[in-house]
Amino acid sequence: MSLELRNHVTTADADDGVALLDEISGQYWQLNGSGAQVLRLMLDGATQQDAVDLLTSRYRVTRERADEDVTLLIASLQEAGLAQ
């Protein structure tokens, strides 16, 4: 599964991550550094498992925890109407 931001969502790099703006509602979301890495990777067409591999290779985290975190990030972006 890859990830795609909706047309009304713009991104901007931040000091430690990325900010997302919903241009319809005017709401901002801030992703930390690891969340930003996962988002960028998946927007480039990588799968959820690729994102899990990225997290486990860069951080001291188990595969199970990395998978939970990626799943939660995707679900949160979709629930907020930012991604599909």
PDB file of N, CA and C in Angstrom:
ATOM      1  N   MET A   1       0.840  -1.180   0.000  1.00  0.00           N
ATOM      2  CA  MET A   1       0.000   0.000   0.000  1.00  0.00           C
ATOM      3  C   MET A   1       0.886   1.244   0.000  1.00  0.00           C
ATOM      4  N   SER A   2       0.705   2.081  -0.985  1.00  0.00           N
ATOM      5  CA  SER A   2       1.399   3.370  -0.978  1.00  0.00           C
ATOM      6  C   SER A   2       0.446   4.417  -0.425  1.00  0.00           C
ATOM      7  N   LEU A   3       0.920   5.627  -0.325  1.00  0.00           N
ATOM      8  CA  LEU A   3       0.148   6.690   0.294  1.00  0.00           C
ATOM      9  C   LEU A   3       0.139   7.888  -0.632  1.00  0.00           C
ATOM     10  N   GLU A   4      -0.976   8.587  -0.660  1.00  0.00           N
ATOM     11  CA  GLU A   4      -1.091   9.784  -1.491  1.00  0.00           C
ATOM     12  C   GLU A   4      -1.819  10.860  -0.695  1.00  0.00           C
ATOM     13  N   LEU A   5      -1.233  12.056  -0.680  1.00  0.00           N
ATOM     14  CA  LEU A   5      -1.909  13.170  -0.012  1.00  0.00           C
ATOM     15  C   LEU A   5      -3.025  13.689  -0.908  1.00  0.00           C
ATOM     16  N   ARG A   6      -4.071  14.175  -0.302  1.00  0.00           N
ATOM     17  CA  ARG A   6      -5.173  14.756  -1.072  1.00  0.00           C
ATOM     18  C   ARG A   6      -4.712  16.062  -1.700  1.00  0.00           C
ATOM     19  N   ASN A   7      -5.402  16.468  -2.756  1.00  0.00           N
ATOM     20  CA  ASN A   7      -5.005  17.652  -3.524  1.00  0.00           C
ATOM     21  C   ASN A   7      -4.990  18.935  -2.694  1.00  0.00           C
ATOM     22  N   HIS A   8      -5.782  19.001  -1.651  1.00  0.00           N
ATOM     23  CA  HIS A   8      -5.888  20.207  -0.848  1.00  0.00           C
ATOM     24  C   HIS A   8      -4.917  20.237   0.328  1.00  0.00           C
ATOM     25  N   VAL A   9      -3.930  19.343   0.324  1.00  0.00           N
ATOM     26  CA  VAL A   9      -2.951  19.269   1.405  1.00  0.00           C
ATOM     27  C   VAL A   9      -1.577  19.666   0.869  1.00  0.00           C
ATOM     28  N   THR A  10      -0.946  20.610   1.554  1.00  0.00           N
ATOM     29  CA  THR A  10       0.405  21.000   1.201  1.00  0.00           C
ATOM     30  C   THR A  10       1.334  20.670   2.364  1.00  0.00           C
ATOM     31  N   THR A  11       2.607  20.501   2.039  1.00  0.00           N
ATOM     32  CA  THR A  11       3.592  20.179   3.056  1.00  0.00           C
ATOM     33  C   THR A  11       4.692  21.230   3.069  1.00  0.00           C
ATOM     34  N   ALA A  12       5.324  21.354   4.211  1.00  0.00           N
ATOM     35  CA  ALA A  12       6.472  22.242   4.356  1.00  0.00           C
ATOM     36  C   ALA A  12       7.434  21.600   5.342  1.00  0.00           C
ATOM     37  N   ASP A  13       8.702  21.561   4.966  1.00  0.00           N
ATOM     38  CA  ASP A  13       9.701  21.025   5.881  1.00  0.00           C
ATOM     39  C   ASP A  13       9.795  21.914   7.106  1.00  0.00           C
ATOM     40  N   ALA A  14       9.949  21.290   8.251  1.00  0.00           N
ATOM     41  CA  ALA A  14      10.099  22.004   9.514  1.00  0.00           C
ATOM     42  C   ALA A  14      11.438  21.608  10.121  1.00  0.00           C
ATOM     43  N   ASP A  15      11.807  22.257  11.207  1.00  0.00           N
ATOM     44  CA  ASP A  15      13.095  21.967  11.844  1.00  0.00           C
ATOM     45  C   ASP A  15      13.271  20.482  12.148  1.00  0.00           C
ATOM     46  N   ASP A  16      12.249  19.864  12.682  1.00  0.00           N
ATOM     47  CA  ASP A  16      12.351  18.453  13.047  1.00  0.00           C
ATOM     48  C   ASP A  16      11.160  17.680  12.510  1.00  0.00           C
ATOM     49  N   GLY A  17      10.970  17.700  11.207  1.00  0.00           N
ATOM     50  CA  GLY A  17       9.872  16.955  10.620  1.00  0.00           C
ATOM     51  C   GLY A  17       9.259  17.672   9.448  1.00  0.00           C
ATOM     52  N   VAL A  18       7.944  17.598   9.394  1.00  0.00           N
ATOM     53  CA  VAL A  18       7.207  18.219   8.299  1.00  0.00           C
ATOM     54  C   VAL A  18       5.861  18.705   8.818  1.00  0.00           C
ATOM     55  N   ALA A  19       5.409  19.827   8.270  1.00  0.00           N
ATOM     56  CA  ALA A  19       4.084  20.352   8.598  1.00  0.00           C
ATOM     57  C   ALA A  19       3.168  20.087   7.418  1.00  0.00           C
ATOM     58  N   LEU A  20       1.944  19.726   7.711  1.00  0.00           N
ATOM     59  CA  LEU A  20       0.936  19.516   6.679  1.00  0.00           C
ATOM     60  C   LEU A  20      -0.185  20.518   6.898  1.00  0.00           C
ATOM     61  N   LEU A  21      -0.642  21.136   5.828  1.00  0.00           N
ATOM     62  CA  LEU A  21      -1.724  22.115   5.901  1.00  0.00           C
ATOM     63  C   LEU A  21      -2.893  21.621   5.076  1.00  0.00           C
ATOM     64  N   ASP A  22      -4.043  21.539   5.718  1.00  0.00           N
ATOM     65  CA  ASP A  22      -5.297  21.254   5.017  1.00  0.00           C
ATOM     66  C   ASP A  22      -5.815  22.622   4.560  1.00  0.00           C
ATOM     67  N   GLU A  23      -5.720  22.898   3.282  1.00  0.00           N
ATOM     68  CA  GLU A  23      -6.089  24.210   2.757  1.00  0.00           C
ATOM     69  C   GLU A  23      -7.585  24.484   2.839  1.00  0.00           C
ATOM     70  N   ILE A  24      -8.390  23.463   3.009  1.00  0.00           N
ATOM     71  CA  ILE A  24      -9.835  23.653   3.132  1.00  0.00           C
ATOM     72  C   ILE A  24     -10.205  24.094   4.550  1.00  0.00           C
ATOM     73  N   SER A  25      -9.699  23.372   5.535  1.00  0.00           N
ATOM     74  CA  SER A  25     -10.052  23.686   6.922  1.00  0.00           C
ATOM     75  C   SER A  25      -9.112  24.707   7.562  1.00  0.00           C
ATOM     76  N   GLY A  26      -7.922  24.850   6.996  1.00  0.00           N
ATOM     77  CA  GLY A  26      -6.933  25.740   7.580  1.00  0.00           C
ATOM     78  C   GLY A  26      -6.170  25.119   8.737  1.00  0.00           C
ATOM     79  N   GLN A  27      -6.382  23.836   8.996  1.00  0.00           N
ATOM     80  CA  GLN A  27      -5.703  23.163  10.104  1.00  0.00           C
ATOM     81  C   GLN A  27      -4.317  22.680   9.683  1.00  0.00           C
ATOM     82  N   TYR A  28      -3.391  22.756  10.645  1.00  0.00           N
ATOM     83  CA  TYR A  28      -2.034  22.260  10.459  1.00  0.00           C
ATOM     84  C   TYR A  28      -1.821  20.995  11.275  1.00  0.00           C
ATOM     85  N   TRP A  29      -0.966  20.126  10.767  1.00  0.00           N
ATOM     86  CA  TRP A  29      -0.500  18.967  11.511  1.00  0.00           C
ATOM     87  C   TRP A  29       1.011  18.971  11.438  1.00  0.00           C
ATOM     88  N   GLN A  30       1.653  18.516  12.495  1.00  0.00           N
ATOM     89  CA  GLN A  30       3.110  18.461  12.545  1.00  0.00           C
ATOM     90  C   GLN A  30       3.540  17.014  12.747  1.00  0.00           C
ATOM     91  N   LEU A  31       4.404  16.524  11.864  1.00  0.00           N
ATOM     92  CA  LEU A  31       4.980  15.198  12.026  1.00  0.00           C
ATOM     93  C   LEU A  31       6.414  15.348  12.496  1.00  0.00           C
ATOM     94  N   ASN A  32       6.824  14.493  13.422  1.00  0.00           N
ATOM     95  CA  ASN A  32       8.208  14.530  13.879  1.00  0.00           C
ATOM     96  C   ASN A  32       9.123  13.955  12.787  1.00  0.00           C
ATOM     97  N   GLY A  33      10.408  13.890  13.076  1.00  0.00           N
ATOM     98  CA  GLY A  33      11.379  13.454  12.079  1.00  0.00           C
ATOM     99  C   GLY A  33      11.117  12.068  11.520  1.00  0.00           C
ATOM    100  N   SER A  34      10.823  11.114  12.383  1.00  0.00           N
ATOM    101  CA  SER A  34      10.587   9.757  11.889  1.00  0.00           C
ATOM    102  C   SER A  34       9.274   9.673  11.116  1.00  0.00           C
ATOM    103  N   GLY A  35       8.257  10.389  11.582  1.00  0.00           N
ATOM    104  CA  GLY A  35       6.991  10.424  10.841  1.00  0.00           C
ATOM    105  C   GLY A  35       7.167  11.042   9.467  1.00  0.00           C
ATOM    106  N   ALA A  36       7.982  12.089   9.389  1.00  0.00           N
ATOM    107  CA  ALA A  36       8.261  12.739   8.112  1.00  0.00           C
ATOM    108  C   ALA A  36       8.999  11.796   7.169  1.00  0.00           C
ATOM    109  N   GLN A  37       9.939  11.025   7.704  1.00  0.00           N
ATOM    110  CA  GLN A  37      10.668  10.068   6.873  1.00  0.00           C
ATOM    111  C   GLN A  37       9.728   9.016   6.295  1.00  0.00           C
ATOM    112  N   VAL A  38       8.832   8.513   7.136  1.00  0.00           N
ATOM    113  CA  VAL A  38       7.858   7.519   6.681  1.00  0.00           C
ATOM    114  C   VAL A  38       6.940   8.129   5.625  1.00  0.00           C
ATOM    115  N   LEU A  39       6.448   9.323   5.879  1.00  0.00           N
ATOM    116  CA  LEU A  39       5.560   9.981   4.921  1.00  0.00           C
ATOM    117  C   LEU A  39       6.251  10.157   3.575  1.00  0.00           C
ATOM    118  N   ARG A  40       7.445  10.701   3.568  1.00  0.00           N
ATOM    119  CA  ARG A  40       8.164  10.927   2.305  1.00  0.00           C
ATOM    120  C   ARG A  40       8.398   9.620   1.556  1.00  0.00           C
ATOM    121  N   LEU A  41       8.808   8.593   2.284  1.00  0.00           N
ATOM    122  CA  LEU A  41       9.065   7.300   1.678  1.00  0.00           C
ATOM    123  C   LEU A  41       7.808   6.748   1.015  1.00  0.00           C
ATOM    124  N   MET A  42       6.690   6.808   1.732  1.00  0.00           N
ATOM    125  CA  MET A  42       5.448   6.256   1.203  1.00  0.00           C
ATOM    126  C   MET A  42       4.873   7.108   0.078  1.00  0.00           C
ATOM    127  N   LEU A  43       5.082   8.415   0.127  1.00  0.00           N
ATOM    128  CA  LEU A  43       4.636   9.267  -0.983  1.00  0.00           C
ATOM    129  C   LEU A  43       5.425   8.975  -2.254  1.00  0.00           C
ATOM    130  N   ASP A  44       6.630   8.447  -2.077  1.00  0.00           N
ATOM    131  CA  ASP A  44       7.451   8.054  -3.228  1.00  0.00           C
ATOM    132  C   ASP A  44       7.101   6.665  -3.746  1.00  0.00           C
ATOM    133  N   GLY A  45       6.075   6.036  -3.154  1.00  0.00           N
ATOM    134  CA  GLY A  45       5.594   4.755  -3.663  1.00  0.00           C
ATOM    135  C   GLY A  45       6.012   3.540  -2.869  1.00  0.00           C
ATOM    136  N   ALA A  46       6.724   3.738  -1.774  1.00  0.00           N
ATOM    137  CA  ALA A  46       7.141   2.605  -0.951  1.00  0.00           C
ATOM    138  C   ALA A  46       5.939   2.009  -0.222  1.00  0.00           C
ATOM    139  N   THR A  47       6.092   0.780   0.205  1.00  0.00           N
ATOM    140  CA  THR A  47       5.030   0.084   0.930  1.00  0.00           C
ATOM    141  C   THR A  47       5.159   0.313   2.428  1.00  0.00           C
ATOM    142  N   GLN A  48       4.155  -0.132   3.151  1.00  0.00           N
ATOM    143  CA  GLN A  48       4.196  -0.041   4.606  1.00  0.00           C
ATOM    144  C   GLN A  48       5.378  -0.839   5.140  1.00  0.00           C
ATOM    145  N   GLN A  49       5.645  -1.988   4.561  1.00  0.00           N
ATOM    146  CA  GLN A  49       6.776  -2.795   5.026  1.00  0.00           C
ATOM    147  C   GLN A  49       8.107  -2.105   4.764  1.00  0.00           C
ATOM    148  N   ASP A  50       8.201  -1.362   3.663  1.00  0.00           N
ATOM    149  CA  ASP A  50       9.406  -0.567   3.406  1.00  0.00           C
ATOM    150  C   ASP A  50       9.591   0.469   4.506  1.00  0.00           C
ATOM    151  N   ALA A  51       8.502   1.077   4.925  1.00  0.00           N
ATOM    152  CA  ALA A  51       8.559   2.076   5.994  1.00  0.00           C
ATOM    153  C   ALA A  51       8.968   1.436   7.317  1.00  0.00           C
ATOM    154  N   VAL A  52       8.471   0.243   7.588  1.00  0.00           N
ATOM    155  CA  VAL A  52       8.862  -0.495   8.794  1.00  0.00           C
ATOM    156  C   VAL A  52      10.356  -0.796   8.744  1.00  0.00           C
ATOM    157  N   ASP A  53      10.831  -1.234   7.588  1.00  0.00           N
ATOM    158  CA  ASP A  53      12.264  -1.506   7.425  1.00  0.00           C
ATOM    159  C   ASP A  53      13.096  -0.256   7.690  1.00  0.00           C
ATOM    160  N   LEU A  54      12.630   0.875   7.201  1.00  0.00           N
ATOM    161  CA  LEU A  54      13.335   2.137   7.421  1.00  0.00           C
ATOM    162  C   LEU A  54      13.447   2.435   8.915  1.00  0.00           C
ATOM    163  N   LEU A  55      12.330   2.332   9.627  1.00  0.00           N
ATOM    164  CA  LEU A  55      12.334   2.641  11.059  1.00  0.00           C
ATOM    165  C   LEU A  55      13.233   1.698  11.853  1.00  0.00           C
ATOM    166  N   THR A  56      13.174   0.411  11.533  1.00  0.00           N
ATOM    167  CA  THR A  56      13.986  -0.545  12.297  1.00  0.00           C
ATOM    168  C   THR A  56      15.461  -0.411  11.972  1.00  0.00           C
ATOM    169  N   SER A  57      15.793   0.087  10.795  1.00  0.00           N
ATOM    170  CA  SER A  57      17.208   0.254  10.455  1.00  0.00           C
ATOM    171  C   SER A  57      17.795   1.540  11.042  1.00  0.00           C
ATOM    172  N   ARG A  58      16.962   2.540  11.297  1.00  0.00           N
ATOM    173  CA  ARG A  58      17.460   3.834  11.780  1.00  0.00           C
ATOM    174  C   ARG A  58      17.254   4.066  13.266  1.00  0.00           C
ATOM    175  N   TYR A  59      16.330   3.342  13.865  1.00  0.00           N
ATOM    176  CA  TYR A  59      15.996   3.575  15.268  1.00  0.00           C
ATOM    177  C   TYR A  59      16.010   2.262  16.034  1.00  0.00           C
ATOM    178  N   ARG A  60      16.171   2.352  17.323  1.00  0.00           N
ATOM    179  CA  ARG A  60      16.143   1.164  18.178  1.00  0.00           C
ATOM    180  C   ARG A  60      14.690   0.840  18.494  1.00  0.00           C
ATOM    181  N   VAL A  61      14.048   0.159  17.569  1.00  0.00           N
ATOM    182  CA  VAL A  61      12.628  -0.162  17.709  1.00  0.00           C
ATOM    183  C   VAL A  61      12.393  -1.549  17.119  1.00  0.00           C
ATOM    184  N   THR A  62      11.492  -2.291  17.725  1.00  0.00           N
ATOM    185  CA  THR A  62      11.171  -3.623  17.209  1.00  0.00           C
ATOM    186  C   THR A  62      10.321  -3.504  15.944  1.00  0.00           C
ATOM    187  N   ARG A  63      10.295  -4.563  15.170  1.00  0.00           N
ATOM    188  CA  ARG A  63       9.460  -4.577  13.960  1.00  0.00           C
ATOM    189  C   ARG A  63       7.991  -4.397  14.332  1.00  0.00           C
ATOM    190  N   GLU A  64       7.579  -5.021  15.425  1.00  0.00           N
ATOM    191  CA  GLU A  64       6.185  -4.935  15.846  1.00  0.00           C
ATOM    192  C   GLU A  64       5.820  -3.482  16.172  1.00  0.00           C
ATOM    193  N   ARG A  65       6.692  -2.815  16.913  1.00  0.00           N
ATOM    194  CA  ARG A  65       6.422  -1.418  17.280  1.00  0.00           C
ATOM    195  C   ARG A  65       6.441  -0.522  16.049  1.00  0.00           C
ATOM    196  N   ALA A  66       7.410  -0.738  15.165  1.00  0.00           N
ATOM    197  CA  ALA A  66       7.498   0.057  13.939  1.00  0.00           C
ATOM    198  C   ALA A  66       6.250  -0.140  13.082  1.00  0.00           C
ATOM    199  N   ASP A  67       5.773  -1.379  12.990  1.00  0.00           N
ATOM    200  CA  ASP A  67       4.568  -1.656  12.202  1.00  0.00           C
ATOM    201  C   ASP A  67       3.355  -0.964  12.824  1.00  0.00           C
ATOM    202  N   GLU A  68       3.241  -1.007  14.151  1.00  0.00           N
ATOM    203  CA  GLU A  68       2.142  -0.319  14.827  1.00  0.00           C
ATOM    204  C   GLU A  68       2.196   1.183  14.573  1.00  0.00           C
ATOM    205  N   ASP A  69       3.405   1.756  14.650  1.00  0.00           N
ATOM    206  CA  ASP A  69       3.556   3.199  14.451  1.00  0.00           C
ATOM    207  C   ASP A  69       3.200   3.615  13.024  1.00  0.00           C
ATOM    208  N   VAL A  70       3.643   2.840  12.044  1.00  0.00           N
ATOM    209  CA  VAL A  70       3.342   3.164  10.648  1.00  0.00           C
ATOM    210  C   VAL A  70       1.842   3.017  10.395  1.00  0.00           C
ATOM    211  N   THR A  71       1.255   1.954  10.918  1.00  0.00           N
ATOM    212  CA  THR A  71      -0.189   1.746  10.769  1.00  0.00           C
ATOM    213  C   THR A  71      -0.965   2.913  11.378  1.00  0.00           C
ATOM    214  N   LEU A  72      -0.564   3.344  12.561  1.00  0.00           N
ATOM    215  CA  LEU A  72      -1.228   4.459  13.228  1.00  0.00           C
ATOM    216  C   LEU A  72      -1.061   5.763  12.449  1.00  0.00           C
ATOM    217  N   LEU A  73       0.123   6.007  11.916  1.00  0.00           N
ATOM    218  CA  LEU A  73       0.354   7.217  11.129  1.00  0.00           C
ATOM    219  C   LEU A  73      -0.548   7.237   9.901  1.00  0.00           C
ATOM    220  N   ILE A  74      -0.596   6.141   9.164  1.00  0.00           N
ATOM    221  CA  ILE A  74      -1.435   6.069   7.967  1.00  0.00           C
ATOM    222  C   ILE A  74      -2.897   6.283   8.330  1.00  0.00           C
ATOM    223  N   ALA A  75      -3.364   5.586   9.359  1.00  0.00           N
ATOM    224  CA  ALA A  75      -4.762   5.708   9.777  1.00  0.00           C
ATOM    225  C   ALA A  75      -5.084   7.143  10.207  1.00  0.00           C
ATOM    226  N   SER A  76      -4.180   7.766  10.930  1.00  0.00           N
ATOM    227  CA  SER A  76      -4.411   9.143  11.398  1.00  0.00           C
ATOM    228  C   SER A  76      -4.489  10.113  10.237  1.00  0.00           C
ATOM    229  N   LEU A  77      -3.608   9.977   9.259  1.00  0.00           N
ATOM    230  CA  LEU A  77      -3.633  10.838   8.082  1.00  0.00           C
ATOM    231  C   LEU A  77      -4.923  10.645   7.287  1.00  0.00           C
ATOM    232  N   GLN A  78      -5.367   9.398   7.179  1.00  0.00           N
ATOM    233  CA  GLN A  78      -6.606   9.117   6.450  1.00  0.00           C
ATOM    234  C   GLN A  78      -7.817   9.634   7.204  1.00  0.00           C
ATOM    235  N   GLU A  79      -7.868   9.422   8.511  1.00  0.00           N
ATOM    236  CA  GLU A  79      -8.996   9.892   9.317  1.00  0.00           C
ATOM    237  C   GLU A  79      -9.107  11.410   9.307  1.00  0.00           C
ATOM    238  N   ALA A  80      -7.962  12.084   9.249  1.00  0.00           N
ATOM    239  CA  ALA A  80      -7.960  13.555   9.204  1.00  0.00           C
ATOM    240  C   ALA A  80      -8.300  14.079   7.822  1.00  0.00           C
ATOM    241  N   GLY A  81      -8.450  13.189   6.852  1.00  0.00           N
ATOM    242  CA  GLY A  81      -8.774  13.598   5.479  1.00  0.00           C
ATOM    243  C   GLY A  81      -7.584  14.153   4.719  1.00  0.00           C
ATOM    244  N   LEU A  82      -6.375  13.843   5.204  1.00  0.00           N
ATOM    245  CA  LEU A  82      -5.168  14.356   4.557  1.00  0.00           C
ATOM    246  C   LEU A  82      -4.630  13.425   3.484  1.00  0.00           C
ATOM    247  N   ALA A  83      -4.919  12.144   3.618  1.00  0.00           N
ATOM    248  CA  ALA A  83      -4.335  11.133   2.712  1.00  0.00           C
ATOM    249  C   ALA A  83      -5.388  10.129   2.299  1.00  0.00           C
ATOM    250  N   GLN A  84      -5.063   9.453   1.221  1.00  0.00           N
ATOM    251  CA  GLN A  84      -5.920   8.357   0.738  1.00  0.00           C
ATOM    252  C   GLN A  84      -5.077   7.171   0.399  1.00  0.00           C
TER     253      GLN A  84
END
